[in-house]
Amino acid sequence: MSGAAEAGFVIGLISGVISIIEAAKTVFDAAKDANGQPEAFRKVATRLPLVIEILRSAKERALTLDDIAQEALEPILESCKAKAENLNKLFQKVVRKDDDKCFDRYKKALRTLGKGDKVESLMEDILKDTQILVYEKLMGIATETQAKELEAGIKEMEEMPSSLQEETEMVTQNHHGSGNNNANTGRGAMHTGTGDLYQNEIKGDAHFGSKR
């Protein structure tokens, strides 16, 4: 690939990622005040402008690179683009202004994309790809504040509770036949069965049994 063609390809990749992320942001901005928007989508949406700003700086810097340096950008940009496309698909399919059934649509969308493509996971990967550009490939394209915001965004995505509520809030039980069906969804031990149950903090000797 000639130098001009290489430059055009890389610039096109960056422009493509920017356009995809802007499309997701536009969808959310149109419906952000509607009731029922998933909290994970809200948190992800707040990080989108940061990525757009840094990628715009990356686009300007890429114009000054030689062929070898530009070619080295392609894998990370391709990775970022793939994640951005799936993120945009989720926003397009899930976020609506006129109803509160976002979560049902989200579950349906993930059956197509896969649970590994949860909105917070995709955003975490996009932020990490952007961070690689900032620290390894195109040093200087982000301000110190932007670099710190990237780190904060990655940490937020890593620590965010699962956007699939079933994974964190629901217990499914199947019970066939007679007898009790017991489940412990909190912390601490659960005891089932017959007979006395003693729970106490014991100091000294303890004796259990019938008197003789």
N, C-alpha and C. Protein backbone atom coordinates (compact mmCIF):
# COMPACT_ATOMS: atom_id res chain seq x y z
N MET A 1 0.85 -1.19 0.00
CA MET A 1 0.00 0.00 0.00
C MET A 1 0.88 1.24 0.00
N SER A 2 0.62 2.18 -0.89
CA SER A 2 1.43 3.39 -0.98
C SER A 2 1.23 4.27 0.24
N GLY A 3 2.16 5.24 0.41
CA GLY A 3 2.06 6.12 1.57
C GLY A 3 0.75 6.87 1.63
N ALA A 4 0.32 7.38 0.49
CA ALA A 4 -0.94 8.14 0.46
C ALA A 4 -2.13 7.24 0.77
N ALA A 5 -2.08 6.02 0.21
CA ALA A 5 -3.18 5.08 0.45
C ALA A 5 -3.22 4.65 1.91
N GLU A 6 -2.03 4.41 2.49
CA GLU A 6 -1.93 4.02 3.90
C GLU A 6 -2.49 5.11 4.79
N ALA A 7 -2.11 6.34 4.49
CA ALA A 7 -2.60 7.46 5.29
C ALA A 7 -4.11 7.58 5.18
N GLY A 8 -4.62 7.42 3.97
CA GLY A 8 -6.06 7.51 3.78
C GLY A 8 -6.81 6.42 4.51
N PHE A 9 -6.22 5.21 4.55
CA PHE A 9 -6.87 4.10 5.23
C PHE A 9 -6.95 4.35 6.73
N VAL A 10 -5.84 4.78 7.33
CA VAL A 10 -5.81 5.02 8.77
C VAL A 10 -6.73 6.17 9.16
N ILE A 11 -6.68 7.24 8.39
CA ILE A 11 -7.57 8.38 8.66
C ILE A 11 -9.03 7.96 8.53
N GLY A 12 -9.29 7.11 7.54
CA GLY A 12 -10.66 6.60 7.36
C GLY A 12 -11.11 5.76 8.54
N LEU A 13 -10.18 4.95 9.08
CA LEU A 13 -10.50 4.13 10.26
C LEU A 13 -10.87 5.02 11.44
N ILE A 14 -10.04 6.00 11.70
CA ILE A 14 -10.30 6.89 12.84
C ILE A 14 -11.61 7.64 12.64
N SER A 15 -11.82 8.14 11.44
CA SER A 15 -13.07 8.87 11.16
C SER A 15 -14.28 7.96 11.33
N GLY A 16 -14.11 6.69 10.93
CA GLY A 16 -15.21 5.74 11.07
C GLY A 16 -15.57 5.49 12.52
N VAL A 17 -14.55 5.32 13.36
CA VAL A 17 -14.81 5.10 14.79
C VAL A 17 -15.50 6.32 15.40
N ILE A 18 -15.02 7.50 15.04
CA ILE A 18 -15.64 8.73 15.56
C ILE A 18 -17.11 8.79 15.16
N SER A 19 -17.40 8.51 13.90
CA SER A 19 -18.79 8.59 13.42
C SER A 19 -19.69 7.59 14.13
N ILE A 20 -19.17 6.38 14.36
CA ILE A 20 -19.96 5.35 15.04
C ILE A 20 -20.28 5.76 16.47
N ILE A 21 -19.28 6.26 17.18
CA ILE A 21 -19.48 6.67 18.57
C ILE A 21 -20.41 7.88 18.64
N GLU A 22 -20.26 8.79 17.70
CA GLU A 22 -21.16 9.95 17.66
C GLU A 22 -22.60 9.51 17.42
N ALA A 23 -22.79 8.47 16.61
CA ALA A 23 -24.15 7.97 16.36
C ALA A 23 -24.77 7.43 17.65
N ALA A 24 -23.98 6.69 18.43
CA ALA A 24 -24.48 6.17 19.71
C ALA A 24 -24.82 7.32 20.65
N LYS A 25 -23.97 8.32 20.69
CA LYS A 25 -24.20 9.48 21.56
C LYS A 25 -25.47 10.22 21.15
N THR A 26 -25.69 10.35 19.85
CA THR A 26 -26.88 11.04 19.35
C THR A 26 -28.15 10.33 19.79
N VAL A 27 -28.14 9.01 19.71
CA VAL A 27 -29.30 8.21 20.13
C VAL A 27 -29.59 8.45 21.60
N PHE A 28 -28.55 8.40 22.43
CA PHE A 28 -28.77 8.57 23.86
C PHE A 28 -29.21 9.99 24.19
N ASP A 29 -28.58 10.97 23.57
CA ASP A 29 -28.93 12.37 23.85
C ASP A 29 -30.40 12.67 23.55
N ALA A 30 -30.94 11.99 22.55
CA ALA A 30 -32.34 12.22 22.17
C ALA A 30 -33.31 11.63 23.20
N ALA A 31 -32.83 10.67 23.99
CA ALA A 31 -33.75 9.99 24.91
C ALA A 31 -33.27 10.00 26.36
N LYS A 32 -32.22 10.75 26.66
CA LYS A 32 -31.59 10.64 27.98
C LYS A 32 -32.50 11.06 29.13
N ASP A 33 -33.48 11.91 28.87
CA ASP A 33 -34.37 12.36 29.94
C ASP A 33 -35.60 11.48 30.11
N ALA A 34 -35.72 10.47 29.25
CA ALA A 34 -36.88 9.57 29.35
C ALA A 34 -36.71 8.63 30.53
N ASN A 35 -37.82 8.23 31.12
CA ASN A 35 -37.78 7.30 32.24
C ASN A 35 -37.39 5.90 31.76
N GLY A 36 -36.75 5.16 32.64
CA GLY A 36 -36.46 3.76 32.36
C GLY A 36 -35.18 3.49 31.60
N GLN A 37 -34.37 4.52 31.34
CA GLN A 37 -33.10 4.27 30.65
C GLN A 37 -32.16 3.51 31.60
N PRO A 38 -31.56 2.43 31.14
CA PRO A 38 -30.66 1.66 32.01
C PRO A 38 -29.51 2.52 32.52
N GLU A 39 -29.19 2.37 33.79
CA GLU A 39 -28.14 3.18 34.40
C GLU A 39 -26.79 2.94 33.73
N ALA A 40 -26.54 1.70 33.32
CA ALA A 40 -25.26 1.40 32.67
C ALA A 40 -25.10 2.20 31.38
N PHE A 41 -26.19 2.37 30.63
CA PHE A 41 -26.13 3.14 29.40
C PHE A 41 -25.85 4.61 29.70
N ARG A 42 -26.43 5.11 30.79
CA ARG A 42 -26.17 6.50 31.17
C ARG A 42 -24.69 6.72 31.49
N LYS A 43 -24.12 5.80 32.24
CA LYS A 43 -22.71 5.94 32.63
C LYS A 43 -21.79 5.81 31.42
N VAL A 44 -22.11 4.89 30.54
CA VAL A 44 -21.31 4.72 29.32
C VAL A 44 -21.39 5.98 28.47
N ALA A 45 -22.60 6.52 28.33
CA ALA A 45 -22.80 7.70 27.47
C ALA A 45 -21.99 8.89 27.94
N THR A 46 -21.78 9.01 29.25
CA THR A 46 -21.00 10.15 29.75
C THR A 46 -19.54 10.07 29.35
N ARG A 47 -19.07 8.87 28.98
CA ARG A 47 -17.66 8.70 28.60
C ARG A 47 -17.44 8.85 27.09
N LEU A 48 -18.49 8.86 26.32
CA LEU A 48 -18.35 8.92 24.86
C LEU A 48 -17.67 10.20 24.37
N PRO A 49 -18.02 11.39 24.88
CA PRO A 49 -17.36 12.61 24.39
C PRO A 49 -15.85 12.58 24.57
N LEU A 50 -15.37 11.97 25.65
CA LEU A 50 -13.93 11.89 25.89
C LEU A 50 -13.24 11.12 24.77
N VAL A 51 -13.81 9.98 24.39
CA VAL A 51 -13.23 9.17 23.33
C VAL A 51 -13.23 9.94 22.01
N ILE A 52 -14.33 10.61 21.73
CA ILE A 52 -14.43 11.39 20.49
C ILE A 52 -13.35 12.47 20.43
N GLU A 53 -13.16 13.18 21.53
CA GLU A 53 -12.16 14.26 21.56
C GLU A 53 -10.75 13.72 21.31
N ILE A 54 -10.42 12.62 21.96
CA ILE A 54 -9.07 12.05 21.82
C ILE A 54 -8.86 11.51 20.41
N LEU A 55 -9.88 10.88 19.84
CA LEU A 55 -9.76 10.35 18.49
C LEU A 55 -9.60 11.47 17.46
N ARG A 56 -10.22 12.60 17.70
CA ARG A 56 -10.03 13.74 16.79
C ARG A 56 -8.58 14.21 16.82
N SER A 57 -7.99 14.22 18.00
CA SER A 57 -6.57 14.57 18.11
C SER A 57 -5.71 13.52 17.44
N ALA A 58 -6.11 12.25 17.58
CA ALA A 58 -5.36 11.16 16.94
C ALA A 58 -5.40 11.29 15.43
N LYS A 59 -6.51 11.71 14.91
CA LYS A 59 -6.67 11.88 13.46
C LYS A 59 -5.70 12.94 12.94
N GLU A 60 -5.58 14.03 13.66
CA GLU A 60 -4.65 15.09 13.25
C GLU A 60 -3.21 14.61 13.31
N ARG A 61 -2.87 13.87 14.38
CA ARG A 61 -1.51 13.39 14.53
C ARG A 61 -1.16 12.36 13.45
N ALA A 62 -2.12 11.51 13.12
CA ALA A 62 -1.87 10.45 12.14
C ALA A 62 -1.43 11.00 10.79
N LEU A 63 -1.88 12.19 10.47
CA LEU A 63 -1.51 12.81 9.20
C LEU A 63 -0.02 13.10 9.11
N THR A 64 0.64 13.19 10.24
CA THR A 64 2.07 13.53 10.26
C THR A 64 2.97 12.31 10.34
N LEU A 65 2.40 11.11 10.43
CA LEU A 65 3.18 9.89 10.62
C LEU A 65 3.67 9.31 9.30
N ASP A 66 4.77 8.54 9.37
CA ASP A 66 5.24 7.83 8.19
C ASP A 66 4.43 6.54 8.01
N ASP A 67 4.71 5.84 6.91
CA ASP A 67 3.91 4.65 6.58
C ASP A 67 3.97 3.58 7.67
N ILE A 68 5.16 3.34 8.21
CA ILE A 68 5.33 2.28 9.21
C ILE A 68 4.53 2.61 10.47
N ALA A 69 4.61 3.84 10.92
CA ALA A 69 3.89 4.25 12.13
C ALA A 69 2.38 4.18 11.92
N GLN A 70 1.93 4.55 10.73
CA GLN A 70 0.50 4.49 10.44
C GLN A 70 0.02 3.04 10.39
N GLU A 71 0.83 2.18 9.79
CA GLU A 71 0.44 0.77 9.72
C GLU A 71 0.33 0.15 11.10
N ALA A 72 1.18 0.60 12.02
CA ALA A 72 1.15 0.08 13.39
C ALA A 72 -0.13 0.45 14.13
N LEU A 73 -0.82 1.47 13.65
CA LEU A 73 -2.07 1.90 14.29
C LEU A 73 -3.26 1.02 13.90
N GLU A 74 -3.15 0.34 12.77
CA GLU A 74 -4.31 -0.35 12.22
C GLU A 74 -4.94 -1.39 13.15
N PRO A 75 -4.15 -2.29 13.78
CA PRO A 75 -4.79 -3.31 14.64
C PRO A 75 -5.62 -2.73 15.78
N ILE A 76 -5.07 -1.73 16.46
CA ILE A 76 -5.80 -1.16 17.60
C ILE A 76 -7.02 -0.39 17.14
N LEU A 77 -6.92 0.26 15.98
CA LEU A 77 -8.07 0.99 15.44
C LEU A 77 -9.16 0.03 14.96
N GLU A 78 -8.75 -1.08 14.36
CA GLU A 78 -9.73 -2.09 13.94
C GLU A 78 -10.45 -2.67 15.15
N SER A 79 -9.70 -2.93 16.21
CA SER A 79 -10.30 -3.44 17.45
C SER A 79 -11.29 -2.45 18.03
N CYS A 80 -10.89 -1.19 18.07
CA CYS A 80 -11.76 -0.15 18.61
C CYS A 80 -13.02 0.01 17.77
N LYS A 81 -12.86 -0.08 16.46
CA LYS A 81 -14.01 0.06 15.56
C LYS A 81 -15.02 -1.07 15.77
N ALA A 82 -14.52 -2.30 15.91
CA ALA A 82 -15.42 -3.45 16.11
C ALA A 82 -16.22 -3.29 17.39
N LYS A 83 -15.57 -2.85 18.46
CA LYS A 83 -16.27 -2.64 19.74
C LYS A 83 -17.27 -1.49 19.61
N ALA A 84 -16.86 -0.43 18.93
CA ALA A 84 -17.75 0.72 18.76
C ALA A 84 -19.00 0.34 17.96
N GLU A 85 -18.83 -0.50 16.95
CA GLU A 85 -19.98 -0.93 16.15
C GLU A 85 -20.99 -1.69 17.00
N ASN A 86 -20.50 -2.60 17.85
CA ASN A 86 -21.41 -3.35 18.72
C ASN A 86 -22.05 -2.45 19.77
N LEU A 87 -21.28 -1.50 20.28
CA LEU A 87 -21.84 -0.56 21.25
C LEU A 87 -22.96 0.25 20.60
N ASN A 88 -22.72 0.72 19.40
CA ASN A 88 -23.74 1.49 18.69
C ASN A 88 -24.98 0.65 18.42
N LYS A 89 -24.79 -0.63 18.09
CA LYS A 89 -25.94 -1.52 17.87
C LYS A 89 -26.80 -1.60 19.13
N LEU A 90 -26.14 -1.71 20.28
CA LEU A 90 -26.89 -1.78 21.54
C LEU A 90 -27.67 -0.49 21.78
N PHE A 91 -27.03 0.64 21.58
CA PHE A 91 -27.72 1.92 21.78
C PHE A 91 -28.89 2.06 20.81
N GLN A 92 -28.68 1.68 19.55
CA GLN A 92 -29.73 1.80 18.55
C GLN A 92 -30.92 0.89 18.87
N LYS A 93 -30.64 -0.31 19.38
CA LYS A 93 -31.70 -1.29 19.64
C LYS A 93 -32.38 -1.10 20.99
N VAL A 94 -31.65 -0.54 21.95
CA VAL A 94 -32.15 -0.51 23.33
C VAL A 94 -32.75 0.83 23.73
N VAL A 95 -32.06 1.91 23.46
CA VAL A 95 -32.46 3.22 23.97
C VAL A 95 -33.63 3.77 23.16
N ARG A 96 -34.71 4.08 23.86
CA ARG A 96 -35.90 4.66 23.24
C ARG A 96 -36.42 5.79 24.12
N LYS A 97 -37.05 6.73 23.49
CA LYS A 97 -37.60 7.86 24.24
C LYS A 97 -39.03 7.62 24.68
N ASP A 98 -39.72 6.71 24.01
CA ASP A 98 -41.16 6.63 24.18
C ASP A 98 -41.66 5.45 25.01
N ASP A 99 -40.76 4.65 25.59
CA ASP A 99 -41.25 3.55 26.44
C ASP A 99 -40.20 3.17 27.46
N ASP A 100 -40.59 2.26 28.37
CA ASP A 100 -39.69 1.87 29.46
C ASP A 100 -39.31 0.40 29.38
N LYS A 101 -39.27 -0.16 28.18
CA LYS A 101 -38.94 -1.58 28.02
C LYS A 101 -37.51 -1.78 27.54
N CYS A 102 -36.64 -0.87 27.94
CA CYS A 102 -35.25 -0.92 27.49
C CYS A 102 -34.56 -2.21 27.89
N PHE A 103 -34.82 -2.65 29.13
CA PHE A 103 -34.11 -3.84 29.62
C PHE A 103 -34.50 -5.08 28.83
N ASP A 104 -35.76 -5.20 28.47
CA ASP A 104 -36.19 -6.35 27.67
C ASP A 104 -35.49 -6.34 26.31
N ARG A 105 -35.38 -5.17 25.70
CA ARG A 105 -34.69 -5.06 24.42
C ARG A 105 -33.20 -5.36 24.57
N TYR A 106 -32.66 -4.96 25.70
CA TYR A 106 -31.23 -5.19 25.96
C TYR A 106 -30.94 -6.69 26.03
N LYS A 107 -31.76 -7.41 26.77
CA LYS A 107 -31.57 -8.86 26.86
C LYS A 107 -31.66 -9.52 25.49
N LYS A 108 -32.61 -9.07 24.71
CA LYS A 108 -32.79 -9.63 23.37
C LYS A 108 -31.58 -9.33 22.49
N ALA A 109 -31.06 -8.11 22.58
CA ALA A 109 -29.90 -7.72 21.77
C ALA A 109 -28.67 -8.53 22.15
N LEU A 110 -28.50 -8.80 23.44
CA LEU A 110 -27.34 -9.55 23.89
C LEU A 110 -27.41 -11.02 23.49
N ARG A 111 -28.60 -11.51 23.25
CA ARG A 111 -28.70 -12.89 22.75
C ARG A 111 -28.09 -13.00 21.36
N THR A 112 -28.08 -11.89 20.64
CA THR A 112 -27.46 -11.85 19.31
C THR A 112 -25.96 -11.57 19.40
N LEU A 113 -25.59 -10.59 20.22
CA LEU A 113 -24.19 -10.19 20.31
C LEU A 113 -23.38 -11.07 21.25
N GLY A 114 -24.02 -11.58 22.30
CA GLY A 114 -23.31 -12.36 23.30
C GLY A 114 -23.13 -11.57 24.59
N LYS A 115 -23.15 -12.27 25.73
CA LYS A 115 -23.05 -11.59 27.02
C LYS A 115 -21.70 -10.90 27.22
N GLY A 116 -20.69 -11.34 26.46
CA GLY A 116 -19.39 -10.69 26.54
C GLY A 116 -19.42 -9.28 25.99
N ASP A 117 -20.49 -8.95 25.28
CA ASP A 117 -20.63 -7.62 24.69
C ASP A 117 -21.62 -6.76 25.47
N LYS A 118 -21.65 -6.94 26.78
CA LYS A 118 -22.46 -6.05 27.61
C LYS A 118 -21.95 -4.62 27.43
N VAL A 119 -22.83 -3.68 27.62
CA VAL A 119 -22.51 -2.29 27.29
C VAL A 119 -21.28 -1.79 28.06
N GLU A 120 -21.17 -2.18 29.34
CA GLU A 120 -20.02 -1.72 30.12
C GLU A 120 -18.73 -2.40 29.68
N SER A 121 -18.82 -3.66 29.23
CA SER A 121 -17.64 -4.37 28.76
C SER A 121 -17.12 -3.77 27.46
N LEU A 122 -18.03 -3.44 26.56
CA LEU A 122 -17.64 -2.81 25.31
C LEU A 122 -16.98 -1.45 25.56
N MET A 123 -17.58 -0.67 26.45
CA MET A 123 -17.03 0.66 26.73
C MET A 123 -15.67 0.54 27.39
N GLU A 124 -15.50 -0.42 28.27
CA GLU A 124 -14.20 -0.63 28.91
C GLU A 124 -13.13 -0.93 27.86
N ASP A 125 -13.46 -1.79 26.89
CA ASP A 125 -12.50 -2.13 25.84
C ASP A 125 -12.18 -0.93 24.95
N ILE A 126 -13.20 -0.13 24.64
CA ILE A 126 -12.97 1.07 23.82
C ILE A 126 -12.05 2.05 24.55
N LEU A 127 -12.29 2.23 25.84
CA LEU A 127 -11.44 3.13 26.63
C LEU A 127 -10.01 2.60 26.70
N LYS A 128 -9.86 1.29 26.83
CA LYS A 128 -8.52 0.70 26.89
C LYS A 128 -7.80 0.84 25.55
N ASP A 129 -8.52 0.64 24.45
CA ASP A 129 -7.91 0.85 23.13
C ASP A 129 -7.47 2.31 22.97
N THR A 130 -8.31 3.22 23.42
CA THR A 130 -7.97 4.64 23.35
C THR A 130 -6.76 4.94 24.21
N GLN A 131 -6.69 4.28 25.36
CA GLN A 131 -5.55 4.48 26.26
C GLN A 131 -4.24 4.01 25.61
N ILE A 132 -4.31 2.92 24.86
CA ILE A 132 -3.12 2.44 24.14
C ILE A 132 -2.65 3.48 23.14
N LEU A 133 -3.59 4.10 22.45
CA LEU A 133 -3.23 5.17 21.51
C LEU A 133 -2.53 6.31 22.24
N VAL A 134 -3.06 6.65 23.41
CA VAL A 134 -2.54 7.79 24.17
C VAL A 134 -1.14 7.53 24.72
N TYR A 135 -0.92 6.32 25.25
CA TYR A 135 0.33 6.05 25.96
C TYR A 135 1.40 5.34 25.12
N GLU A 136 0.98 4.66 24.05
CA GLU A 136 1.94 3.85 23.31
C GLU A 136 2.09 4.26 21.85
N LYS A 137 0.99 4.54 21.18
CA LYS A 137 1.04 4.76 19.74
C LYS A 137 1.15 6.23 19.34
N LEU A 138 0.42 7.07 20.02
CA LEU A 138 0.36 8.49 19.64
C LEU A 138 0.49 9.37 20.87
N MET A 139 1.62 9.25 21.53
CA MET A 139 1.84 9.99 22.78
C MET A 139 1.67 11.49 22.56
N GLY A 140 0.95 12.10 23.48
CA GLY A 140 0.75 13.54 23.41
C GLY A 140 -0.57 13.97 22.81
N ILE A 141 -1.40 13.00 22.38
CA ILE A 141 -2.68 13.38 21.78
C ILE A 141 -3.73 13.71 22.83
N ALA A 142 -3.46 13.37 24.08
CA ALA A 142 -4.42 13.64 25.15
C ALA A 142 -3.77 14.54 26.19
N THR A 143 -4.56 15.41 26.77
CA THR A 143 -4.07 16.24 27.87
C THR A 143 -3.95 15.39 29.13
N GLU A 144 -3.30 15.93 30.13
CA GLU A 144 -3.17 15.20 31.40
C GLU A 144 -4.55 14.93 32.00
N THR A 145 -5.44 15.90 31.88
CA THR A 145 -6.80 15.72 32.40
C THR A 145 -7.52 14.60 31.66
N GLN A 146 -7.39 14.58 30.34
CA GLN A 146 -8.04 13.53 29.55
C GLN A 146 -7.47 12.15 29.89
N ALA A 147 -6.17 12.07 30.10
CA ALA A 147 -5.55 10.80 30.46
C ALA A 147 -6.09 10.29 31.79
N LYS A 148 -6.27 11.20 32.74
CA LYS A 148 -6.83 10.81 34.04
C LYS A 148 -8.29 10.39 33.90
N GLU A 149 -9.02 11.07 33.03
CA GLU A 149 -10.42 10.71 32.81
C GLU A 149 -10.53 9.32 32.16
N LEU A 150 -9.58 8.99 31.29
CA LEU A 150 -9.55 7.65 30.71
C LEU A 150 -9.39 6.60 31.79
N GLU A 151 -8.43 6.82 32.68
CA GLU A 151 -8.19 5.87 33.77
C GLU A 151 -9.42 5.74 34.66
N ALA A 152 -10.05 6.88 34.96
CA ALA A 152 -11.25 6.86 35.81
C ALA A 152 -12.38 6.12 35.11
N GLY A 153 -12.51 6.32 33.80
CA GLY A 153 -13.57 5.64 33.05
C GLY A 153 -13.38 4.14 33.03
N ILE A 154 -12.14 3.70 32.82
CA ILE A 154 -11.85 2.27 32.82
C ILE A 154 -12.17 1.66 34.17
N LYS A 155 -11.76 2.35 35.24
CA LYS A 155 -12.03 1.86 36.60
C LYS A 155 -13.54 1.78 36.85
N GLU A 156 -14.27 2.79 36.39
CA GLU A 156 -15.72 2.79 36.59
C GLU A 156 -16.37 1.61 35.87
N MET A 157 -15.94 1.33 34.64
CA MET A 157 -16.52 0.22 33.88
C MET A 157 -16.17 -1.12 34.53
N GLU A 158 -14.94 -1.24 35.03
CA GLU A 158 -14.51 -2.48 35.67
C GLU A 158 -15.31 -2.77 36.93
N GLU A 159 -15.63 -1.72 37.68
CA GLU A 159 -16.29 -1.89 38.98
C GLU A 159 -17.81 -1.81 38.89
N MET A 160 -18.33 -1.51 37.71
CA MET A 160 -19.78 -1.37 37.56
C MET A 160 -20.49 -2.70 37.76
N PRO A 161 -21.58 -2.73 38.53
CA PRO A 161 -22.37 -3.96 38.64
C PRO A 161 -22.86 -4.40 37.26
N SER A 162 -23.05 -5.68 37.10
CA SER A 162 -23.48 -6.19 35.80
C SER A 162 -24.75 -5.50 35.32
N SER A 163 -24.75 -5.10 34.06
CA SER A 163 -25.95 -4.48 33.49
C SER A 163 -27.03 -5.51 33.21
N LEU A 164 -26.69 -6.79 33.32
CA LEU A 164 -27.70 -7.85 33.25
C LEU A 164 -28.17 -8.14 34.66
N GLN A 165 -29.33 -7.67 35.01
CA GLN A 165 -29.81 -7.76 36.39
C GLN A 165 -29.89 -9.20 36.88
N GLU A 166 -30.19 -10.14 35.98
CA GLU A 166 -30.33 -11.53 36.42
C GLU A 166 -29.04 -12.05 37.03
N GLU A 167 -27.91 -11.52 36.60
CA GLU A 167 -26.64 -12.03 37.08
C GLU A 167 -26.34 -11.58 38.51
N THR A 168 -26.98 -10.51 38.94
CA THR A 168 -26.65 -9.96 40.24
C THR A 168 -27.82 -9.89 41.21
N GLU A 169 -29.03 -9.96 40.69
CA GLU A 169 -30.17 -9.69 41.56
C GLU A 169 -31.19 -10.82 41.63
N MET A 170 -31.12 -11.77 40.70
CA MET A 170 -32.19 -12.76 40.63
C MET A 170 -31.65 -14.16 40.87
N VAL A 171 -32.47 -15.00 41.50
CA VAL A 171 -32.16 -16.40 41.70
C VAL A 171 -33.26 -17.22 41.05
N THR A 172 -32.89 -18.16 40.20
CA THR A 172 -33.86 -19.03 39.56
C THR A 172 -33.84 -20.38 40.26
N GLN A 173 -35.00 -20.87 40.67
CA GLN A 173 -35.09 -22.15 41.35
C GLN A 173 -36.12 -23.03 40.66
N ASN A 174 -35.76 -24.28 40.51
CA ASN A 174 -36.69 -25.28 40.00
C ASN A 174 -36.90 -26.31 41.09
N HIS A 175 -38.15 -26.60 41.40
CA HIS A 175 -38.46 -27.52 42.49
C HIS A 175 -39.48 -28.53 42.01
N HIS A 176 -39.14 -29.80 42.11
CA HIS A 176 -40.05 -30.85 41.70
C HIS A 176 -40.28 -31.80 42.88
N GLY A 177 -41.50 -32.15 43.14
CA GLY A 177 -41.79 -33.08 44.21
C GLY A 177 -42.16 -32.37 45.49
N SER A 178 -42.15 -33.12 46.58
CA SER A 178 -42.56 -32.57 47.87
C SER A 178 -41.35 -32.08 48.65
N GLY A 179 -41.62 -31.40 49.75
CA GLY A 179 -40.54 -30.91 50.59
C GLY A 179 -40.28 -29.43 50.37
N ASN A 180 -39.40 -28.91 51.19
CA ASN A 180 -39.11 -27.49 51.13
C ASN A 180 -38.18 -27.15 49.96
N ASN A 181 -38.30 -25.93 49.49
CA ASN A 181 -37.39 -25.39 48.48
C ASN A 181 -36.76 -24.14 49.08
N ASN A 182 -35.51 -24.23 49.49
CA ASN A 182 -34.89 -23.16 50.24
C ASN A 182 -33.76 -22.53 49.45
N ALA A 183 -33.64 -21.22 49.57
CA ALA A 183 -32.55 -20.52 48.91
C ALA A 183 -32.06 -19.40 49.81
N ASN A 184 -30.76 -19.22 49.84
CA ASN A 184 -30.17 -18.13 50.60
C ASN A 184 -29.55 -17.16 49.62
N THR A 185 -30.12 -15.96 49.50
CA THR A 185 -29.61 -14.98 48.53
C THR A 185 -28.75 -13.92 49.20
N GLY A 186 -28.58 -14.01 50.49
CA GLY A 186 -27.74 -13.04 51.18
C GLY A 186 -26.48 -13.69 51.70
N ARG A 187 -25.88 -13.06 52.71
CA ARG A 187 -24.67 -13.60 53.29
C ARG A 187 -25.02 -14.44 54.51
N GLY A 188 -24.11 -15.32 54.90
CA GLY A 188 -24.33 -16.15 56.06
C GLY A 188 -24.77 -17.55 55.69
N ALA A 189 -24.73 -18.44 56.66
CA ALA A 189 -25.05 -19.84 56.41
C ALA A 189 -26.55 -20.07 56.43
N MET A 190 -26.99 -21.11 55.72
CA MET A 190 -28.39 -21.51 55.74
C MET A 190 -28.45 -22.94 56.25
N HIS A 191 -29.33 -23.21 57.22
CA HIS A 191 -29.45 -24.54 57.81
C HIS A 191 -30.84 -25.08 57.51
N THR A 192 -30.90 -26.26 56.94
CA THR A 192 -32.18 -26.90 56.68
C THR A 192 -32.17 -28.28 57.29
N GLY A 193 -33.34 -28.76 57.66
CA GLY A 193 -33.43 -30.09 58.25
C GLY A 193 -34.32 -30.06 59.47
N THR A 194 -34.27 -31.13 60.26
CA THR A 194 -35.10 -31.23 61.46
C THR A 194 -34.21 -31.19 62.70
N GLY A 195 -34.85 -30.98 63.84
CA GLY A 195 -34.11 -30.95 65.08
C GLY A 195 -33.76 -29.54 65.50
N ASP A 196 -33.16 -29.42 66.68
CA ASP A 196 -32.84 -28.11 67.23
C ASP A 196 -31.62 -27.52 66.53
N LEU A 197 -31.63 -26.21 66.41
CA LEU A 197 -30.50 -25.47 65.85
C LEU A 197 -30.02 -24.49 66.90
N TYR A 198 -28.76 -24.59 67.27
CA TYR A 198 -28.19 -23.71 68.28
C TYR A 198 -27.22 -22.75 67.61
N GLN A 199 -27.43 -21.47 67.81
CA GLN A 199 -26.52 -20.46 67.29
C GLN A 199 -26.13 -19.56 68.44
N ASN A 200 -24.89 -19.59 68.81
CA ASN A 200 -24.45 -18.78 69.95
C ASN A 200 -22.93 -18.67 69.92
N GLU A 201 -22.42 -17.69 70.60
CA GLU A 201 -20.97 -17.59 70.81
C GLU A 201 -20.68 -18.22 72.15
N ILE A 202 -19.93 -19.31 72.14
CA ILE A 202 -19.74 -20.11 73.35
C ILE A 202 -18.33 -19.91 73.89
N LYS A 203 -18.24 -19.63 75.17
CA LYS A 203 -16.96 -19.55 75.86
C LYS A 203 -16.95 -20.62 76.94
N GLY A 204 -15.90 -21.39 77.00
CA GLY A 204 -15.87 -22.46 77.97
C GLY A 204 -16.45 -23.74 77.40
N ASP A 205 -16.79 -24.68 78.29
CA ASP A 205 -17.29 -25.98 77.85
C ASP A 205 -18.74 -25.88 77.41
N ALA A 206 -19.09 -26.69 76.41
CA ALA A 206 -20.47 -26.77 75.94
C ALA A 206 -20.87 -28.23 75.89
N HIS A 207 -22.05 -28.56 76.40
CA HIS A 207 -22.52 -29.94 76.44
C HIS A 207 -23.89 -30.01 75.78
N PHE A 208 -24.02 -30.90 74.78
CA PHE A 208 -25.30 -31.08 74.10
C PHE A 208 -25.71 -32.54 74.27
N GLY A 209 -27.00 -32.76 74.45
CA GLY A 209 -27.49 -34.13 74.58
C GLY A 209 -28.58 -34.20 75.62
N SER A 210 -29.13 -35.39 75.81
CA SER A 210 -30.21 -35.56 76.79
C SER A 210 -29.62 -35.84 78.16
N LYS A 211 -30.36 -35.47 79.19
CA LYS A 211 -29.93 -35.73 80.57
C LYS A 211 -30.05 -37.20 80.88
N ARG A 212 -29.14 -37.71 81.69
CA ARG A 212 -29.21 -39.11 82.11
C ARG A 212 -29.52 -39.19 83.59
